[in-house]
Amino acid sequence: MNLPEELNFNAVSVESIKSEVFSSSNIHADVLRLDKLHPVVSGNKWFKLKYYLQQAIADNAKAVATFGGAFSNHIIAAAYACNKLNVKCTGFIRGEEPTNYSQTLLDAAALNMQLKFLSREAYKNKQAVINESPQMFFIPEGGFGIKGAKGAGEILQPVPNLAAYDYIVCAVGTGTMLAGITNASLPHQQCIGISVMKNNLSLNETVNSLLTDEARQKQVNVFHDYHFGGYAKHTSELIAFMNQVKINHQLPLDFVYTAKAFYAVCDLSAKKYFPENVRILFIHSGGLQGNRSLIS
């Protein structure tokens, strides 16, 4: 069985979230459970990798390479996808080689991904790394780019009655998924991204650069106040919220992305940001494996 055959699109569902914070304003909130698509190539990862991998295969690339951190969802998804497609793969990992690998890196190595560690300074100059390895087909970190956004535009396809929603909300790292979703949204819909990084104010411009139509810029907004300390950082409040959501709604979240984004949806609802009687679709973008860093 190859990777596309493993992807369980039939498992992806739209589930209603019943909560006082929503019902008090007559808000109907649903979650698109992309996390059910695959246990490793989870959530938005397949969509952002899809067209890059197709291009690599069409180009008869000898090897695929990409970038990411020690707990990167993108790294483990790329490793799994390339292994299933029988394509050699290299991961350039941010930071010096650790004495003890994270479980993410152990799993990536077990999937035959060659790991190469870069100092944080060297990691900033990715183009130099790319120039030194012309034989490799490089996928940008996080699947960023036109091909990644094109794939992310297919995320909304499983949503029945998409037109019923007024707002679509997701977590934002590179901005690729938010751009793709905005490109695929309907004219009356507002797409909101919750940045998981601290002071990454250039995200707005980055997202705009991937939009297919300048008019789409009026449909998208990025919030920067829900990072909980920065990328992969968390507080006890966030962890408590994440655990309570799982108990109350049987909705597993990860502290790096989806818990921050769903917290934002609830907080913005409580602060009456959303008008009454609207429908909100929250995108569960997967990435649950990131929670393993809490106990590593």
C-alpha atoms as a PDB file:
ATOM      1  CA  MET A   1       0.000   0.000   0.000  1.00  0.00           C
ATOM      2  CA  ASN A   2       1.426   3.403  -0.932  1.00  0.00           C
ATOM      3  CA  LEU A   3       0.786   6.606   0.973  1.00  0.00           C
ATOM      4  CA  PRO A   4      -2.247   7.981  -0.941  1.00  0.00           C
ATOM      5  CA  GLU A   5      -4.012   4.658  -0.347  1.00  0.00           C
ATOM      6  CA  GLU A   6      -3.321   4.937   3.396  1.00  0.00           C
ATOM      7  CA  LEU A   7      -4.946   8.330   3.724  1.00  0.00           C
ATOM      8  CA  ASN A   8      -8.384   7.875   5.246  1.00  0.00           C
ATOM      9  CA  PHE A   9     -10.457  10.714   3.835  1.00  0.00           C
ATOM     10  CA  ASN A  10     -13.609   8.910   4.942  1.00  0.00           C
ATOM     11  CA  ALA A  11     -12.517   9.350   8.564  1.00  0.00           C
ATOM     12  CA  VAL A  12     -12.304  13.135   8.243  1.00  0.00           C
ATOM     13  CA  SER A  13     -15.403  14.582   9.856  1.00  0.00           C
ATOM     14  CA  VAL A  14     -17.012  17.861  10.821  1.00  0.00           C
ATOM     15  CA  GLU A  15     -18.045  17.835  14.477  1.00  0.00           C
ATOM     16  CA  SER A  16     -20.127  20.336  16.396  1.00  0.00           C
ATOM     17  CA  ILE A  17     -18.671  21.902  19.555  1.00  0.00           C
ATOM     18  CA  LYS A  18     -21.210  22.655  22.267  1.00  0.00           C
ATOM     19  CA  SER A  19     -19.977  25.208  24.778  1.00  0.00           C
ATOM     20  CA  GLU A  20     -21.436  27.994  26.879  1.00  0.00           C
ATOM     21  CA  VAL A  21     -18.964  30.461  25.390  1.00  0.00           C
ATOM     22  CA  PHE A  22     -20.537  29.837  21.973  1.00  0.00           C
ATOM     23  CA  SER A  23     -24.177  29.349  22.950  1.00  0.00           C
ATOM     24  CA  SER A  24     -24.244  32.631  24.893  1.00  0.00           C
ATOM     25  CA  SER A  25     -23.876  34.452  21.570  1.00  0.00           C
ATOM     26  CA  ASN A  26     -25.820  31.916  19.519  1.00  0.00           C
ATOM     27  CA  ILE A  27     -22.608  30.969  17.732  1.00  0.00           C
ATOM     28  CA  HIS A  28     -22.495  27.606  15.997  1.00  0.00           C
ATOM     29  CA  ALA A  29     -18.940  26.223  16.077  1.00  0.00           C
ATOM     30  CA  ASP A  30     -17.745  23.145  14.195  1.00  0.00           C
ATOM     31  CA  VAL A  31     -14.326  21.532  13.897  1.00  0.00           C
ATOM     32  CA  LEU A  32     -12.932  19.907  10.754  1.00  0.00           C
ATOM     33  CA  ARG A  33     -11.083  16.854  12.082  1.00  0.00           C
ATOM     34  CA  LEU A  34      -8.185  16.663   9.630  1.00  0.00           C
ATOM     35  CA  ASP A  35      -6.203  14.957  12.379  1.00  0.00           C
ATOM     36  CA  LYS A  36      -8.113  11.768  11.527  1.00  0.00           C
ATOM     37  CA  LEU A  37      -6.648  11.617   8.026  1.00  0.00           C
ATOM     38  CA  HIS A  38      -3.498   9.704   8.980  1.00  0.00           C
ATOM     39  CA  PRO A  39      -1.597   9.022  12.226  1.00  0.00           C
ATOM     40  CA  VAL A  40       1.710  10.431  10.922  1.00  0.00           C
ATOM     41  CA  VAL A  41       1.030  12.485   7.780  1.00  0.00           C
ATOM     42  CA  SER A  42      -1.594  14.165   9.861  1.00  0.00           C
ATOM     43  CA  GLY A  43      -3.931  17.070   9.309  1.00  0.00           C
ATOM     44  CA  ASN A  44      -2.652  19.633   6.824  1.00  0.00           C
ATOM     45  CA  LYS A  45       0.689  17.921   6.129  1.00  0.00           C
ATOM     46  CA  TRP A  46      -0.338  15.774   3.175  1.00  0.00           C
ATOM     47  CA  PHE A  47      -2.026  18.729   1.507  1.00  0.00           C
ATOM     48  CA  LYS A  48       1.084  20.898   1.791  1.00  0.00           C
ATOM     49  CA  LEU A  49       3.453  18.120   0.693  1.00  0.00           C
ATOM     50  CA  LYS A  50       1.341  16.702  -2.132  1.00  0.00           C
ATOM     51  CA  TYR A  51       2.324  18.887  -5.075  1.00  0.00           C
ATOM     52  CA  TYR A  52       5.969  19.130  -4.053  1.00  0.00           C
ATOM     53  CA  LEU A  53       6.231  15.343  -3.960  1.00  0.00           C
ATOM     54  CA  GLN A  54       4.453  15.038  -7.293  1.00  0.00           C
ATOM     55  CA  GLN A  55       6.974  17.457  -8.791  1.00  0.00           C
ATOM     56  CA  ALA A  56       9.922  15.593  -7.279  1.00  0.00           C
ATOM     57  CA  ILE A  57       8.717  12.312  -8.777  1.00  0.00           C
ATOM     58  CA  ALA A  58       7.997  13.932 -12.158  1.00  0.00           C
ATOM     59  CA  ASP A  59      11.508  15.401 -12.147  1.00  0.00           C
ATOM     60  CA  ASN A  60      13.019  11.990 -11.307  1.00  0.00           C
ATOM     61  CA  ALA A  61      14.702  13.611  -8.316  1.00  0.00           C
ATOM     62  CA  LYS A  62      17.375  11.427  -6.752  1.00  0.00           C
ATOM     63  CA  ALA A  63      16.520  12.703  -3.289  1.00  0.00           C
ATOM     64  CA  VAL A  64      14.148  15.036  -1.469  1.00  0.00           C
ATOM     65  CA  ALA A  65      15.313  17.376   1.274  1.00  0.00           C
ATOM     66  CA  THR A  66      13.581  19.732   3.654  1.00  0.00           C
ATOM     67  CA  PHE A  67      14.038  21.711   6.855  1.00  0.00           C
ATOM     68  CA  GLY A  68      12.573  21.593  10.351  1.00  0.00           C
ATOM     69  CA  GLY A  69      13.077  21.415  14.094  1.00  0.00           C
ATOM     70  CA  ALA A  70      13.505  18.490  16.476  1.00  0.00           C
ATOM     71  CA  PHE A  71       9.748  18.131  17.031  1.00  0.00           C
ATOM     72  CA  SER A  72       8.608  19.205  13.572  1.00  0.00           C
ATOM     73  CA  ASN A  73       5.356  17.760  12.241  1.00  0.00           C
ATOM     74  CA  HIS A  74       6.655  18.584   8.774  1.00  0.00           C
ATOM     75  CA  ILE A  75       9.872  16.580   9.260  1.00  0.00           C
ATOM     76  CA  ILE A  76       8.165  13.384  10.401  1.00  0.00           C
ATOM     77  CA  ALA A  77       5.465  13.702   7.731  1.00  0.00           C
ATOM     78  CA  ALA A  78       8.062  14.205   4.983  1.00  0.00           C
ATOM     79  CA  ALA A  79      10.080  11.256   6.274  1.00  0.00           C
ATOM     80  CA  TYR A  80       7.036   8.989   6.276  1.00  0.00           C
ATOM     81  CA  ALA A  81       5.813  10.156   2.865  1.00  0.00           C
ATOM     82  CA  CYS A  82       9.204   9.718   1.186  1.00  0.00           C
ATOM     83  CA  ASN A  83       9.651   6.303   2.772  1.00  0.00           C
ATOM     84  CA  LYS A  84       6.291   5.161   1.422  1.00  0.00           C
ATOM     85  CA  LEU A  85       7.051   6.614  -2.000  1.00  0.00           C
ATOM     86  CA  ASN A  86      10.502   5.000  -1.978  1.00  0.00           C
ATOM     87  CA  VAL A  87      12.261   8.342  -2.354  1.00  0.00           C
ATOM     88  CA  LYS A  88      15.496   9.122  -0.504  1.00  0.00           C
ATOM     89  CA  CYS A  89      15.040  11.927   1.976  1.00  0.00           C
ATOM     90  CA  THR A  90      17.249  14.266   4.003  1.00  0.00           C
ATOM     91  CA  GLY A  91      16.124  16.444   6.859  1.00  0.00           C
ATOM     92  CA  PHE A  92      18.165  19.514   7.729  1.00  0.00           C
ATOM     93  CA  ILE A  93      17.457  19.995  11.421  1.00  0.00           C
ATOM     94  CA  ARG A  94      17.655  23.314  13.251  1.00  0.00           C
ATOM     95  CA  GLY A  95      20.253  23.264  16.033  1.00  0.00           C
ATOM     96  CA  GLU A  96      23.354  21.309  16.975  1.00  0.00           C
ATOM     97  CA  GLU A  97      23.060  17.525  17.093  1.00  0.00           C
ATOM     98  CA  PRO A  98      21.674  16.589  20.529  1.00  0.00           C
ATOM     99  CA  THR A  99      23.030  13.859  22.765  1.00  0.00           C
ATOM    100  CA  ASN A 100      19.548  12.371  22.936  1.00  0.00           C
ATOM    101  CA  TYR A 101      17.290  12.581  19.910  1.00  0.00           C
ATOM    102  CA  SER A 102      13.663  13.575  20.282  1.00  0.00           C
ATOM    103  CA  GLN A 103      11.121  10.857  19.515  1.00  0.00           C
ATOM    104  CA  THR A 104      10.265  12.747  16.344  1.00  0.00           C
ATOM    105  CA  LEU A 105      13.860  12.525  15.119  1.00  0.00           C
ATOM    106  CA  LEU A 106      14.156   8.886  16.171  1.00  0.00           C
ATOM    107  CA  ASP A 107      11.049   8.079  14.173  1.00  0.00           C
ATOM    108  CA  ALA A 108      12.288  10.073  11.162  1.00  0.00           C
ATOM    109  CA  ALA A 109      15.620   8.236  11.228  1.00  0.00           C
ATOM    110  CA  ALA A 110      13.802   4.900  11.481  1.00  0.00           C
ATOM    111  CA  LEU A 111      11.974   5.883   8.290  1.00  0.00           C
ATOM    112  CA  ASN A 112      15.361   6.262   6.577  1.00  0.00           C
ATOM    113  CA  MET A 113      15.488  10.026   6.653  1.00  0.00           C
ATOM    114  CA  GLN A 114      19.113  11.164   6.766  1.00  0.00           C
ATOM    115  CA  LEU A 115      19.424  13.798   9.478  1.00  0.00           C
ATOM    116  CA  LYS A 116      21.859  16.680   9.098  1.00  0.00           C
ATOM    117  CA  PHE A 117      22.096  19.197  11.912  1.00  0.00           C
ATOM    118  CA  LEU A 118      22.710  22.891  11.316  1.00  0.00           C
ATOM    119  CA  SER A 119      23.680  25.544  13.822  1.00  0.00           C
ATOM    120  CA  ARG A 120      20.929  28.068  14.307  1.00  0.00           C
ATOM    121  CA  GLU A 121      23.028  30.613  12.452  1.00  0.00           C
ATOM    122  CA  ALA A 122      23.579  28.282   9.483  1.00  0.00           C
ATOM    123  CA  TYR A 123      19.892  27.346   9.540  1.00  0.00           C
ATOM    124  CA  LYS A 124      18.962  30.962   8.859  1.00  0.00           C
ATOM    125  CA  ASN A 125      20.800  30.784   5.529  1.00  0.00           C
ATOM    126  CA  LYS A 126      18.826  27.968   3.940  1.00  0.00           C
ATOM    127  CA  GLN A 127      19.665  29.118   0.443  1.00  0.00           C
ATOM    128  CA  ALA A 128      23.332  28.331   1.066  1.00  0.00           C
ATOM    129  CA  VAL A 129      22.359  24.783   2.043  1.00  0.00           C
ATOM    130  CA  ILE A 130      20.247  24.461  -1.091  1.00  0.00           C
ATOM    131  CA  ASN A 131      23.083  25.757  -3.273  1.00  0.00           C
ATOM    132  CA  GLU A 132      25.462  23.163  -1.812  1.00  0.00           C
ATOM    133  CA  SER A 133      23.137  20.267  -2.715  1.00  0.00           C
ATOM    134  CA  PRO A 134      21.920  20.872  -6.294  1.00  0.00           C
ATOM    135  CA  GLN A 135      21.150  17.177  -6.742  1.00  0.00           C
ATOM    136  CA  MET A 136      18.376  17.350  -4.146  1.00  0.00           C
ATOM    137  CA  PHE A 137      14.773  18.460  -4.622  1.00  0.00           C
ATOM    138  CA  PHE A 138      14.116  20.850  -1.744  1.00  0.00           C
ATOM    139  CA  ILE A 139      10.707  21.237  -0.156  1.00  0.00           C
ATOM    140  CA  PRO A 140      10.537  24.529   1.787  1.00  0.00           C
ATOM    141  CA  GLU A 141      10.152  24.342   5.552  1.00  0.00           C
ATOM    142  CA  GLY A 142       6.552  23.618   6.464  1.00  0.00           C
ATOM    143  CA  GLY A 143       5.643  23.156   2.804  1.00  0.00           C
ATOM    144  CA  PHE A 144       5.655  26.915   2.340  1.00  0.00           C
ATOM    145  CA  GLY A 145       5.097  28.246  -1.170  1.00  0.00           C
ATOM    146  CA  ILE A 146       2.721  28.232  -4.109  1.00  0.00           C
ATOM    147  CA  LYS A 147       2.597  24.417  -4.327  1.00  0.00           C
ATOM    148  CA  GLY A 148       1.947  24.136  -0.603  1.00  0.00           C
ATOM    149  CA  ALA A 149      -0.825  26.713  -0.746  1.00  0.00           C
ATOM    150  CA  LYS A 150      -2.332  24.966  -3.773  1.00  0.00           C
ATOM    151  CA  GLY A 151      -2.553  21.734  -1.811  1.00  0.00           C
ATOM    152  CA  ALA A 152      -3.878  23.515   1.270  1.00  0.00           C
ATOM    153  CA  GLY A 153      -6.649  24.893  -0.903  1.00  0.00           C
ATOM    154  CA  GLU A 154      -8.044  21.356  -1.038  1.00  0.00           C
ATOM    155  CA  ILE A 155      -8.462  21.158   2.738  1.00  0.00           C
ATOM    156  CA  LEU A 156     -12.011  22.504   2.594  1.00  0.00           C
ATOM    157  CA  GLN A 157     -13.203  19.951   0.026  1.00  0.00           C
ATOM    158  CA  PRO A 158     -14.503  17.447   2.636  1.00  0.00           C
ATOM    159  CA  VAL A 159     -16.655  20.113   4.325  1.00  0.00           C
ATOM    160  CA  PRO A 160     -20.358  19.619   3.602  1.00  0.00           C
ATOM    161  CA  ASN A 161     -22.325  22.819   3.098  1.00  0.00           C
ATOM    162  CA  LEU A 162     -19.195  24.972   3.206  1.00  0.00           C
ATOM    163  CA  ALA A 163     -21.216  28.038   2.261  1.00  0.00           C
ATOM    164  CA  ALA A 164     -22.989  27.949   5.639  1.00  0.00           C
ATOM    165  CA  TYR A 165     -19.879  29.181   7.480  1.00  0.00           C
ATOM    166  CA  ASP A 166     -19.113  32.832   8.099  1.00  0.00           C
ATOM    167  CA  TYR A 167     -15.642  32.362   9.627  1.00  0.00           C
ATOM    168  CA  ILE A 168     -12.887  29.808   9.082  1.00  0.00           C
ATOM    169  CA  VAL A 169     -10.159  29.689  11.736  1.00  0.00           C
ATOM    170  CA  CYS A 170      -6.824  27.867  11.842  1.00  0.00           C
ATOM    171  CA  ALA A 171      -3.413  27.972  13.504  1.00  0.00           C
ATOM    172  CA  VAL A 172      -0.632  29.648  11.535  1.00  0.00           C
ATOM    173  CA  GLY A 173       3.050  28.754  11.309  1.00  0.00           C
ATOM    174  CA  THR A 174       4.380  29.560   7.841  1.00  0.00           C
ATOM    175  CA  GLY A 175       1.036  30.944   6.633  1.00  0.00           C
ATOM    176  CA  THR A 176       0.763  28.385   3.823  1.00  0.00           C
ATOM    177  CA  MET A 177      -2.413  26.705   5.058  1.00  0.00           C
ATOM    178  CA  LEU A 178      -4.140  30.002   5.832  1.00  0.00           C
ATOM    179  CA  ALA A 179      -3.365  31.262   2.321  1.00  0.00           C
ATOM    180  CA  GLY A 180      -4.628  28.062   0.715  1.00  0.00           C
ATOM    181  CA  ILE A 181      -7.830  28.094   2.737  1.00  0.00           C
ATOM    182  CA  THR A 182      -8.406  31.754   1.926  1.00  0.00           C
ATOM    183  CA  ASN A 183      -7.925  31.050  -1.779  1.00  0.00           C
ATOM    184  CA  ALA A 184     -10.543  28.300  -1.567  1.00  0.00           C
ATOM    185  CA  SER A 185     -13.011  30.169   0.622  1.00  0.00           C
ATOM    186  CA  LEU A 186     -16.207  31.794  -0.584  1.00  0.00           C
ATOM    187  CA  PRO A 187     -16.501  35.574  -0.990  1.00  0.00           C
ATOM    188  CA  HIS A 188     -18.631  36.083   2.112  1.00  0.00           C
ATOM    189  CA  GLN A 189     -16.253  34.183   4.417  1.00  0.00           C
ATOM    190  CA  GLN A 190     -13.588  35.619   6.711  1.00  0.00           C
ATOM    191  CA  CYS A 191     -10.466  33.504   7.273  1.00  0.00           C
ATOM    192  CA  ILE A 192      -8.679  34.009  10.582  1.00  0.00           C
ATOM    193  CA  GLY A 193      -5.202  32.762  11.368  1.00  0.00           C
ATOM    194  CA  ILE A 194      -3.824  32.450  14.889  1.00  0.00           C
ATOM    195  CA  SER A 195      -0.065  32.923  14.841  1.00  0.00           C
ATOM    196  CA  VAL A 196       1.774  30.495  17.128  1.00  0.00           C
ATOM    197  CA  MET A 197       4.950  32.574  16.955  1.00  0.00           C
ATOM    198  CA  LYS A 198       5.821  35.653  18.956  1.00  0.00           C
ATOM    199  CA  ASN A 199       5.989  38.982  17.096  1.00  0.00           C
ATOM    200  CA  ASN A 200       6.005  37.336  13.675  1.00  0.00           C
ATOM    201  CA  LEU A 201       4.274  40.369  12.210  1.00  0.00           C
ATOM    202  CA  SER A 202       5.569  39.689   8.703  1.00  0.00           C
ATOM    203  CA  LEU A 203       3.058  36.818   8.508  1.00  0.00           C
ATOM    204  CA  ASN A 204       0.395  39.114   7.123  1.00  0.00           C
ATOM    205  CA  GLU A 205       2.575  40.021   4.162  1.00  0.00           C
ATOM    206  CA  THR A 206       3.699  36.401   3.753  1.00  0.00           C
ATOM    207  CA  VAL A 207       0.126  35.149   3.557  1.00  0.00           C
ATOM    208  CA  ASN A 208      -0.787  37.876   1.081  1.00  0.00           C
ATOM    209  CA  SER A 209       2.093  36.800  -1.167  1.00  0.00           C
ATOM    210  CA  LEU A 210       0.446  33.376  -1.611  1.00  0.00           C
ATOM    211  CA  LEU A 211      -3.059  34.618  -2.359  1.00  0.00           C
ATOM    212  CA  THR A 212      -4.281  34.090  -5.897  1.00  0.00           C
ATOM    213  CA  ASP A 213      -6.244  37.328  -5.997  1.00  0.00           C
ATOM    214  CA  GLU A 214      -5.484  40.682  -4.384  1.00  0.00           C
ATOM    215  CA  ALA A 215      -9.148  40.969  -3.425  1.00  0.00           C
ATOM    216  CA  ARG A 216      -8.652  37.968  -1.123  1.00  0.00           C
ATOM    217  CA  GLN A 217      -6.593  40.148   1.202  1.00  0.00           C
ATOM    218  CA  LYS A 218      -9.819  41.621   2.548  1.00  0.00           C
ATOM    219  CA  GLN A 219     -10.952  38.132   3.601  1.00  0.00           C
ATOM    220  CA  VAL A 220      -7.969  37.237   5.786  1.00  0.00           C
ATOM    221  CA  ASN A 221      -6.772  38.390   9.188  1.00  0.00           C
ATOM    222  CA  VAL A 222      -3.972  37.189  11.487  1.00  0.00           C
ATOM    223  CA  PHE A 223      -4.063  37.484  15.278  1.00  0.00           C
ATOM    224  CA  HIS A 224      -0.716  37.689  17.080  1.00  0.00           C
ATOM    225  CA  ASP A 225      -1.742  37.652  20.759  1.00  0.00           C
ATOM    226  CA  TYR A 226      -2.196  33.934  21.375  1.00  0.00           C
ATOM    227  CA  HIS A 227       1.357  32.580  21.123  1.00  0.00           C
ATOM    228  CA  PHE A 228       1.653  31.782  24.879  1.00  0.00           C
ATOM    229  CA  GLY A 229       5.302  32.772  24.942  1.00  0.00           C
ATOM    230  CA  GLY A 230       6.340  31.874  21.413  1.00  0.00           C
ATOM    231  CA  TYR A 231       6.743  28.938  19.089  1.00  0.00           C
ATOM    232  CA  ALA A 232       6.486  25.604  20.943  1.00  0.00           C
ATOM    233  CA  LYS A 233       6.189  27.517  24.222  1.00  0.00           C
ATOM    234  CA  HIS A 234       3.315  27.012  26.605  1.00  0.00           C
ATOM    235  CA  THR A 235       1.901  28.016  29.962  1.00  0.00           C
ATOM    236  CA  SER A 236       0.086  26.018  32.602  1.00  0.00           C
ATOM    237  CA  GLU A 237      -3.091  27.807  31.530  1.00  0.00           C
ATOM    238  CA  LEU A 238      -2.739  26.530  27.957  1.00  0.00           C
ATOM    239  CA  ILE A 239      -2.062  22.942  29.060  1.00  0.00           C
ATOM    240  CA  ALA A 240      -5.035  23.031  31.431  1.00  0.00           C
ATOM    241  CA  PHE A 241      -7.229  24.372  28.624  1.00  0.00           C
ATOM    242  CA  MET A 242      -6.012  21.698  26.219  1.00  0.00           C
ATOM    243  CA  ASN A 243      -6.720  18.930  28.714  1.00  0.00           C
ATOM    244  CA  GLN A 244     -10.168  20.304  29.547  1.00  0.00           C
ATOM    245  CA  VAL A 245     -11.131  20.478  25.852  1.00  0.00           C
ATOM    246  CA  LYS A 246     -10.232  16.816  25.485  1.00  0.00           C
ATOM    247  CA  ILE A 247     -12.402  15.911  28.487  1.00  0.00           C
ATOM    248  CA  ASN A 248     -15.348  18.123  27.585  1.00  0.00           C
ATOM    249  CA  HIS A 249     -15.416  17.661  23.808  1.00  0.00           C
ATOM    250  CA  GLN A 250     -13.338  14.525  23.129  1.00  0.00           C
ATOM    251  CA  LEU A 251     -11.186  16.797  21.005  1.00  0.00           C
ATOM    252  CA  PRO A 252      -7.430  16.152  21.257  1.00  0.00           C
ATOM    253  CA  LEU A 253      -5.281  19.212  20.598  1.00  0.00           C
ATOM    254  CA  ASP A 254      -1.547  19.894  20.546  1.00  0.00           C
ATOM    255  CA  PHE A 255       0.067  22.680  22.545  1.00  0.00           C
ATOM    256  CA  VAL A 256       2.179  23.970  19.632  1.00  0.00           C
ATOM    257  CA  TYR A 257      -0.625  24.790  17.187  1.00  0.00           C
ATOM    258  CA  THR A 258      -4.226  23.726  17.640  1.00  0.00           C
ATOM    259  CA  ALA A 259      -4.638  24.380  21.380  1.00  0.00           C
ATOM    260  CA  LYS A 260      -3.516  27.977  20.891  1.00  0.00           C
ATOM    261  CA  ALA A 261      -5.838  28.431  17.932  1.00  0.00           C
ATOM    262  CA  PHE A 262      -8.862  26.913  19.639  1.00  0.00           C
ATOM    263  CA  TYR A 263      -8.164  28.935  22.784  1.00  0.00           C
ATOM    264  CA  ALA A 264      -8.244  32.023  20.569  1.00  0.00           C
ATOM    265  CA  VAL A 265     -11.612  31.031  19.103  1.00  0.00           C
ATOM    266  CA  CYS A 266     -13.072  30.661  22.590  1.00  0.00           C
ATOM    267  CA  ASP A 267     -11.487  33.871  23.882  1.00  0.00           C
ATOM    268  CA  LEU A 268     -12.562  35.919  20.879  1.00  0.00           C
ATOM    269  CA  SER A 269     -16.081  34.535  21.259  1.00  0.00           C
ATOM    270  CA  ALA A 270     -16.151  35.476  24.953  1.00  0.00           C
ATOM    271  CA  LYS A 271     -14.974  38.984  24.052  1.00  0.00           C
ATOM    272  CA  LYS A 272     -17.775  39.276  21.465  1.00  0.00           C
ATOM    273  CA  TYR A 273     -15.446  39.601  18.515  1.00  0.00           C
ATOM    274  CA  PHE A 274     -17.771  37.425  16.468  1.00  0.00           C
ATOM    275  CA  PRO A 275     -21.281  38.720  15.782  1.00  0.00           C
ATOM    276  CA  GLU A 276     -24.195  36.721  17.128  1.00  0.00           C
ATOM    277  CA  ASN A 277     -25.703  33.921  15.068  1.00  0.00           C
ATOM    278  CA  VAL A 278     -22.606  33.223  12.989  1.00  0.00           C
ATOM    279  CA  ARG A 279     -21.152  29.846  12.081  1.00  0.00           C
ATOM    280  CA  ILE A 280     -17.457  29.182  12.688  1.00  0.00           C
ATOM    281  CA  LEU A 281     -15.398  26.360  11.204  1.00  0.00           C
ATOM    282  CA  PHE A 282     -12.234  25.539  13.132  1.00  0.00           C
ATOM    283  CA  ILE A 283      -9.595  23.592  11.198  1.00  0.00           C
ATOM    284  CA  HIS A 284      -7.900  20.878  13.249  1.00  0.00           C
ATOM    285  CA  SER A 285      -4.584  20.798  11.420  1.00  0.00           C
ATOM    286  CA  GLY A 286      -3.241  17.679  13.144  1.00  0.00           C
ATOM    287  CA  GLY A 287       0.220  17.692  14.681  1.00  0.00           C
ATOM    288  CA  LEU A 288      -0.642  15.773  17.828  1.00  0.00           C
ATOM    289  CA  GLN A 289       2.776  14.124  17.828  1.00  0.00           C
ATOM    290  CA  GLY A 290       4.178  17.462  18.980  1.00  0.00           C
ATOM    291  CA  ASN A 291       2.787  16.779  22.463  1.00  0.00           C
ATOM    292  CA  ARG A 292       5.508  14.167  22.918  1.00  0.00           C
ATOM    293  CA  SER A 293       7.941  16.997  23.603  1.00  0.00           C
ATOM    294  CA  LEU A 294       6.100  17.652  26.876  1.00  0.00           C
ATOM    295  CA  ILE A 295       7.496  14.435  28.325  1.00  0.00           C
ATOM    296  CA  SER A 296      10.794  14.193  26.442  1.00  0.00           C
END
